[in-house]
Amino acid sequence: DFRKVSKGFFSFFTSATHLTHTIHMAHPQPSENKTQKVLREVDEVKGIMHENIDKMLANHEKADLLVDKTEDMKVRADDFRKVSKKVKNQMWWRNMKLTIIIVVVVILVLVVILAPIIVTFSKK
């Protein structure tokens, strides 16, 4: 993977630049000329640049991870939606069956109670 190779490459130069910077800071040269000063500043800028590239690569890896997690969550949400719709329909049918059974039982009870009364009044 390019990111792994480039990260190792940049980390090597970043540590080398950091080491050079540490040596220059620990042992400043009294007769440092302008060229050496410019080279030192370039090394510092290069070190900062490498650190920024490392941070950017790390952020890119985090973004890739977030994209993967987002895609996984989308798939899970779609599955959840399908299953919940199926369960909702099953519960609706169970409720409807129970309602029909209750209505039939109430009608039968009414028929059992009212049939003798109607038969008794119709005979008179």
N, C-alpha and C. Protein backbone atom coordinates (compact mmCIF):
# COMPACT_ATOMS: atom_id res chain seq x y z
N ASP A 1 0.84 -1.18 0.00
CA ASP A 1 0.00 0.00 0.00
C ASP A 1 0.89 1.24 0.00
N PHE A 2 0.58 2.18 -0.85
CA PHE A 2 1.38 3.40 -1.00
C PHE A 2 1.45 4.18 0.31
N ARG A 3 0.33 4.22 1.03
CA ARG A 3 0.31 5.00 2.27
C ARG A 3 1.32 4.47 3.29
N LYS A 4 1.39 3.14 3.40
CA LYS A 4 2.32 2.56 4.37
C LYS A 4 3.77 2.84 3.97
N VAL A 5 4.07 2.69 2.68
CA VAL A 5 5.43 2.93 2.20
C VAL A 5 5.80 4.39 2.38
N SER A 6 4.90 5.28 1.95
CA SER A 6 5.22 6.71 2.05
C SER A 6 5.30 7.15 3.50
N LYS A 7 4.47 6.56 4.36
CA LYS A 7 4.53 6.93 5.78
C LYS A 7 5.89 6.55 6.37
N GLY A 8 6.37 5.33 6.04
CA GLY A 8 7.68 4.91 6.53
C GLY A 8 8.79 5.76 5.97
N PHE A 9 8.67 6.11 4.70
CA PHE A 9 9.67 6.94 4.05
C PHE A 9 9.73 8.32 4.70
N PHE A 10 8.56 8.94 4.89
CA PHE A 10 8.53 10.27 5.48
C PHE A 10 8.93 10.24 6.96
N SER A 11 8.58 9.17 7.66
CA SER A 11 8.95 9.12 9.08
C SER A 11 10.47 9.00 9.23
N PHE A 12 11.13 8.30 8.29
CA PHE A 12 12.58 8.21 8.34
C PHE A 12 13.20 9.59 8.19
N PHE A 13 12.76 10.35 7.19
CA PHE A 13 13.32 11.67 6.97
C PHE A 13 12.92 12.65 8.07
N THR A 14 11.74 12.47 8.61
CA THR A 14 11.31 13.34 9.70
C THR A 14 12.21 13.13 10.92
N SER A 15 12.50 11.86 11.24
CA SER A 15 13.37 11.60 12.39
C SER A 15 14.79 12.07 12.11
N ALA A 16 15.28 11.93 10.87
CA ALA A 16 16.62 12.42 10.53
C ALA A 16 16.68 13.93 10.62
N THR A 17 15.64 14.59 10.16
CA THR A 17 15.60 16.05 10.23
C THR A 17 15.53 16.50 11.69
N HIS A 18 14.74 15.78 12.47
CA HIS A 18 14.62 16.11 13.90
C HIS A 18 15.98 15.94 14.59
N LEU A 19 16.70 14.88 14.24
CA LEU A 19 18.03 14.65 14.83
C LEU A 19 18.98 15.77 14.43
N THR A 20 18.97 16.16 13.16
CA THR A 20 19.83 17.26 12.69
C THR A 20 19.48 18.55 13.43
N HIS A 21 18.19 18.80 13.57
CA HIS A 21 17.74 20.01 14.25
C HIS A 21 18.19 19.99 15.72
N THR A 22 18.09 18.84 16.37
CA THR A 22 18.49 18.73 17.77
C THR A 22 19.99 18.98 17.93
N ILE A 23 20.78 18.44 17.01
CA ILE A 23 22.24 18.64 17.07
C ILE A 23 22.57 20.11 16.89
N HIS A 24 21.91 20.77 15.90
CA HIS A 24 22.17 22.19 15.66
C HIS A 24 21.78 23.03 16.87
N MET A 25 20.70 22.67 17.51
CA MET A 25 20.25 23.45 18.66
C MET A 25 21.14 23.21 19.88
N ALA A 26 21.63 21.98 20.02
CA ALA A 26 22.48 21.66 21.17
C ALA A 26 23.89 22.24 21.03
N HIS A 27 24.35 22.29 19.80
CA HIS A 27 25.70 22.78 19.55
C HIS A 27 25.68 23.85 18.47
N PRO A 28 25.22 25.01 18.78
CA PRO A 28 25.17 26.06 17.75
C PRO A 28 26.59 26.45 17.33
N GLN A 29 26.74 26.68 16.06
CA GLN A 29 28.03 27.08 15.53
C GLN A 29 28.13 28.61 15.61
N PRO A 30 29.17 29.12 16.25
CA PRO A 30 29.28 30.57 16.38
C PRO A 30 29.51 31.26 15.04
N SER A 31 30.16 30.56 14.13
CA SER A 31 30.46 31.21 12.85
C SER A 31 29.53 30.67 11.76
N GLU A 32 28.25 30.46 12.10
CA GLU A 32 27.29 29.93 11.14
C GLU A 32 27.05 30.98 10.06
N ASN A 33 27.33 30.61 8.83
CA ASN A 33 27.14 31.58 7.75
C ASN A 33 25.70 31.52 7.26
N LYS A 34 25.39 32.39 6.32
CA LYS A 34 24.01 32.51 5.83
C LYS A 34 23.54 31.23 5.16
N THR A 35 24.41 30.58 4.44
CA THR A 35 24.03 29.34 3.75
C THR A 35 23.65 28.27 4.75
N GLN A 36 24.45 28.12 5.79
CA GLN A 36 24.15 27.13 6.82
C GLN A 36 22.85 27.47 7.54
N LYS A 37 22.64 28.76 7.76
CA LYS A 37 21.41 29.19 8.41
C LYS A 37 20.20 28.87 7.55
N VAL A 38 20.30 29.14 6.26
CA VAL A 38 19.20 28.86 5.33
C VAL A 38 18.96 27.35 5.26
N LEU A 39 20.04 26.56 5.20
CA LEU A 39 19.89 25.10 5.15
C LEU A 39 19.22 24.58 6.42
N ARG A 40 19.59 25.16 7.55
CA ARG A 40 18.97 24.75 8.81
C ARG A 40 17.48 25.08 8.79
N GLU A 41 17.13 26.26 8.30
CA GLU A 41 15.72 26.65 8.23
C GLU A 41 14.95 25.76 7.25
N VAL A 42 15.61 25.41 6.14
CA VAL A 42 14.98 24.51 5.17
C VAL A 42 14.73 23.15 5.82
N ASP A 43 15.71 22.68 6.58
CA ASP A 43 15.54 21.41 7.28
C ASP A 43 14.37 21.48 8.26
N GLU A 44 14.24 22.59 8.96
CA GLU A 44 13.13 22.75 9.91
C GLU A 44 11.79 22.73 9.17
N VAL A 45 11.74 23.47 8.07
CA VAL A 45 10.49 23.52 7.27
C VAL A 45 10.19 22.14 6.72
N LYS A 46 11.22 21.45 6.25
CA LYS A 46 11.02 20.11 5.70
C LYS A 46 10.51 19.16 6.78
N GLY A 47 11.05 19.30 7.99
CA GLY A 47 10.58 18.47 9.09
C GLY A 47 9.11 18.73 9.40
N ILE A 48 8.75 20.01 9.45
CA ILE A 48 7.35 20.36 9.69
C ILE A 48 6.46 19.82 8.57
N MET A 49 6.94 19.93 7.33
CA MET A 49 6.19 19.43 6.19
C MET A 49 5.98 17.92 6.31
N HIS A 50 7.00 17.20 6.68
CA HIS A 50 6.88 15.75 6.84
C HIS A 50 5.90 15.40 7.96
N GLU A 51 5.96 16.13 9.04
CA GLU A 51 5.00 15.90 10.14
C GLU A 51 3.57 16.14 9.66
N ASN A 52 3.39 17.20 8.88
CA ASN A 52 2.06 17.50 8.35
C ASN A 52 1.58 16.41 7.40
N ILE A 53 2.50 15.89 6.58
CA ILE A 53 2.13 14.79 5.67
C ILE A 53 1.75 13.56 6.47
N ASP A 54 2.50 13.26 7.53
CA ASP A 54 2.16 12.12 8.39
C ASP A 54 0.77 12.29 9.00
N LYS A 55 0.49 13.50 9.48
CA LYS A 55 -0.83 13.77 10.05
C LYS A 55 -1.92 13.62 9.00
N MET A 56 -1.64 14.10 7.79
CA MET A 56 -2.62 14.00 6.72
C MET A 56 -2.89 12.54 6.38
N LEU A 57 -1.84 11.72 6.32
CA LEU A 57 -2.02 10.30 6.04
C LEU A 57 -2.82 9.62 7.15
N ALA A 58 -2.55 10.00 8.40
CA ALA A 58 -3.30 9.43 9.51
C ALA A 58 -4.77 9.85 9.42
N ASN A 59 -5.02 11.09 9.07
CA ASN A 59 -6.40 11.56 8.92
C ASN A 59 -7.10 10.85 7.76
N HIS A 60 -6.34 10.59 6.70
CA HIS A 60 -6.90 9.89 5.55
C HIS A 60 -7.30 8.46 5.96
N GLU A 61 -6.46 7.80 6.74
CA GLU A 61 -6.78 6.46 7.22
C GLU A 61 -8.02 6.48 8.10
N LYS A 62 -8.12 7.50 8.96
CA LYS A 62 -9.31 7.63 9.81
C LYS A 62 -10.55 7.87 8.97
N ALA A 63 -10.42 8.67 7.92
CA ALA A 63 -11.57 8.93 7.04
C ALA A 63 -11.99 7.66 6.32
N ASP A 64 -11.02 6.86 5.86
CA ASP A 64 -11.34 5.58 5.23
C ASP A 64 -12.09 4.67 6.20
N LEU A 65 -11.63 4.65 7.43
CA LEU A 65 -12.29 3.83 8.45
C LEU A 65 -13.72 4.31 8.68
N LEU A 66 -13.91 5.61 8.73
CA LEU A 66 -15.26 6.16 8.91
C LEU A 66 -16.17 5.82 7.73
N VAL A 67 -15.62 5.85 6.53
CA VAL A 67 -16.41 5.49 5.35
C VAL A 67 -16.84 4.03 5.44
N ASP A 68 -15.92 3.16 5.83
CA ASP A 68 -16.26 1.74 5.98
C ASP A 68 -17.34 1.54 7.04
N LYS A 69 -17.20 2.22 8.16
CA LYS A 69 -18.20 2.10 9.22
C LYS A 69 -19.56 2.64 8.77
N THR A 70 -19.54 3.72 8.01
CA THR A 70 -20.78 4.31 7.52
C THR A 70 -21.49 3.36 6.56
N GLU A 71 -20.73 2.74 5.68
CA GLU A 71 -21.33 1.78 4.75
C GLU A 71 -21.91 0.59 5.51
N ASP A 72 -21.20 0.12 6.52
CA ASP A 72 -21.69 -0.99 7.34
C ASP A 72 -22.98 -0.60 8.06
N MET A 73 -23.01 0.61 8.60
CA MET A 73 -24.22 1.07 9.29
C MET A 73 -25.39 1.19 8.32
N LYS A 74 -25.14 1.61 7.09
CA LYS A 74 -26.21 1.72 6.10
C LYS A 74 -26.79 0.35 5.80
N VAL A 75 -25.93 -0.64 5.62
CA VAL A 75 -26.40 -2.00 5.36
C VAL A 75 -27.22 -2.51 6.53
N ARG A 76 -26.73 -2.28 7.74
CA ARG A 76 -27.46 -2.72 8.94
C ARG A 76 -28.80 -2.00 9.07
N ALA A 77 -28.82 -0.72 8.74
CA ALA A 77 -30.08 0.04 8.82
C ALA A 77 -31.09 -0.49 7.81
N ASP A 78 -30.63 -0.82 6.62
CA ASP A 78 -31.53 -1.39 5.61
C ASP A 78 -32.09 -2.73 6.08
N ASP A 79 -31.22 -3.57 6.64
CA ASP A 79 -31.67 -4.86 7.16
C ASP A 79 -32.68 -4.66 8.29
N PHE A 80 -32.39 -3.74 9.18
CA PHE A 80 -33.30 -3.46 10.30
C PHE A 80 -34.65 -3.00 9.78
N ARG A 81 -34.64 -2.14 8.77
CA ARG A 81 -35.90 -1.63 8.20
C ARG A 81 -36.72 -2.78 7.62
N LYS A 82 -36.08 -3.70 6.90
CA LYS A 82 -36.79 -4.83 6.31
C LYS A 82 -37.38 -5.73 7.39
N VAL A 83 -36.57 -6.05 8.39
CA VAL A 83 -37.03 -6.94 9.46
C VAL A 83 -38.15 -6.29 10.26
N SER A 84 -38.00 -5.00 10.56
CA SER A 84 -39.04 -4.32 11.34
C SER A 84 -40.35 -4.23 10.57
N LYS A 85 -40.28 -4.05 9.27
CA LYS A 85 -41.51 -4.01 8.46
C LYS A 85 -42.18 -5.39 8.47
N LYS A 86 -41.38 -6.43 8.36
CA LYS A 86 -41.92 -7.79 8.39
C LYS A 86 -42.58 -8.08 9.74
N VAL A 87 -41.92 -7.69 10.81
CA VAL A 87 -42.48 -7.90 12.15
C VAL A 87 -43.76 -7.09 12.33
N LYS A 88 -43.77 -5.87 11.82
CA LYS A 88 -44.96 -5.02 11.91
C LYS A 88 -46.14 -5.69 11.21
N ASN A 89 -45.91 -6.23 10.02
CA ASN A 89 -46.99 -6.91 9.29
C ASN A 89 -47.47 -8.15 10.03
N GLN A 90 -46.53 -8.92 10.59
CA GLN A 90 -46.91 -10.11 11.35
C GLN A 90 -47.77 -9.73 12.55
N MET A 91 -47.36 -8.68 13.26
CA MET A 91 -48.14 -8.25 14.43
C MET A 91 -49.51 -7.72 14.01
N TRP A 92 -49.60 -7.05 12.88
CA TRP A 92 -50.88 -6.55 12.40
C TRP A 92 -51.83 -7.72 12.13
N TRP A 93 -51.30 -8.78 11.46
CA TRP A 93 -52.13 -9.94 11.17
C TRP A 93 -52.56 -10.65 12.45
N ARG A 94 -51.68 -10.78 13.41
CA ARG A 94 -52.05 -11.40 14.69
C ARG A 94 -53.15 -10.59 15.37
N ASN A 95 -53.00 -9.29 15.37
CA ASN A 95 -54.00 -8.41 15.97
C ASN A 95 -55.33 -8.56 15.24
N MET A 96 -55.29 -8.61 13.91
CA MET A 96 -56.51 -8.75 13.12
C MET A 96 -57.19 -10.09 13.40
N LYS A 97 -56.41 -11.16 13.48
CA LYS A 97 -56.98 -12.48 13.79
C LYS A 97 -57.66 -12.46 15.15
N LEU A 98 -56.99 -11.87 16.13
CA LEU A 98 -57.55 -11.79 17.47
C LEU A 98 -58.84 -10.97 17.47
N THR A 99 -58.86 -9.88 16.73
CA THR A 99 -60.06 -9.05 16.64
C THR A 99 -61.20 -9.82 15.99
N ILE A 100 -60.91 -10.55 14.94
CA ILE A 100 -61.95 -11.35 14.27
C ILE A 100 -62.48 -12.43 15.21
N ILE A 101 -61.60 -13.08 15.94
CA ILE A 101 -62.03 -14.12 16.89
C ILE A 101 -62.93 -13.52 17.96
N ILE A 102 -62.55 -12.36 18.48
CA ILE A 102 -63.36 -11.71 19.52
C ILE A 102 -64.73 -11.32 18.96
N VAL A 103 -64.76 -10.78 17.76
CA VAL A 103 -66.04 -10.39 17.15
C VAL A 103 -66.92 -11.62 16.93
N VAL A 104 -66.36 -12.71 16.44
CA VAL A 104 -67.13 -13.94 16.23
C VAL A 104 -67.67 -14.47 17.55
N VAL A 105 -66.83 -14.46 18.59
CA VAL A 105 -67.28 -14.94 19.91
C VAL A 105 -68.41 -14.06 20.44
N VAL A 106 -68.30 -12.75 20.30
CA VAL A 106 -69.36 -11.84 20.76
C VAL A 106 -70.65 -12.09 19.99
N ILE A 107 -70.54 -12.29 18.68
CA ILE A 107 -71.74 -12.56 17.87
C ILE A 107 -72.37 -13.89 18.29
N LEU A 108 -71.54 -14.92 18.52
CA LEU A 108 -72.08 -16.21 18.96
C LEU A 108 -72.76 -16.09 20.32
N VAL A 109 -72.14 -15.35 21.22
CA VAL A 109 -72.75 -15.15 22.55
C VAL A 109 -74.09 -14.43 22.39
N LEU A 110 -74.12 -13.41 21.55
CA LEU A 110 -75.38 -12.69 21.32
C LEU A 110 -76.44 -13.59 20.70
N VAL A 111 -76.02 -14.42 19.76
CA VAL A 111 -76.96 -15.36 19.13
C VAL A 111 -77.48 -16.34 20.17
N VAL A 112 -76.59 -16.87 21.01
CA VAL A 112 -77.01 -17.83 22.04
C VAL A 112 -77.96 -17.17 23.03
N ILE A 113 -77.70 -15.93 23.38
CA ILE A 113 -78.55 -15.23 24.36
C ILE A 113 -79.84 -14.74 23.69
N LEU A 114 -79.73 -14.16 22.53
CA LEU A 114 -80.91 -13.56 21.90
C LEU A 114 -81.78 -14.55 21.14
N ALA A 115 -81.26 -15.64 20.65
CA ALA A 115 -82.05 -16.62 19.88
C ALA A 115 -83.21 -17.17 20.70
N PRO A 116 -83.00 -17.61 21.94
CA PRO A 116 -84.15 -18.11 22.71
C PRO A 116 -85.19 -17.02 22.99
N ILE A 117 -84.71 -15.81 23.20
CA ILE A 117 -85.64 -14.71 23.48
C ILE A 117 -86.48 -14.43 22.24
N ILE A 118 -85.83 -14.38 21.07
CA ILE A 118 -86.55 -14.12 19.83
C ILE A 118 -87.53 -15.25 19.53
N VAL A 119 -87.13 -16.49 19.74
CA VAL A 119 -88.00 -17.65 19.49
C VAL A 119 -89.19 -17.60 20.46
N THR A 120 -88.95 -17.22 21.70
CA THR A 120 -90.03 -17.14 22.69
C THR A 120 -91.03 -16.06 22.30
N PHE A 121 -90.59 -14.91 21.89
CA PHE A 121 -91.50 -13.84 21.51
C PHE A 121 -92.20 -14.10 20.18
N SER A 122 -91.56 -14.82 19.30
CA SER A 122 -92.20 -15.09 18.01
C SER A 122 -93.30 -16.14 18.13
N LYS A 123 -93.28 -16.99 19.15
CA LYS A 123 -94.31 -17.99 19.39
C LYS A 123 -95.56 -17.36 19.97
N LYS A 124 -95.48 -16.27 20.61
CA LYS A 124 -96.64 -15.67 21.26
C LYS A 124 -97.49 -14.98 20.30
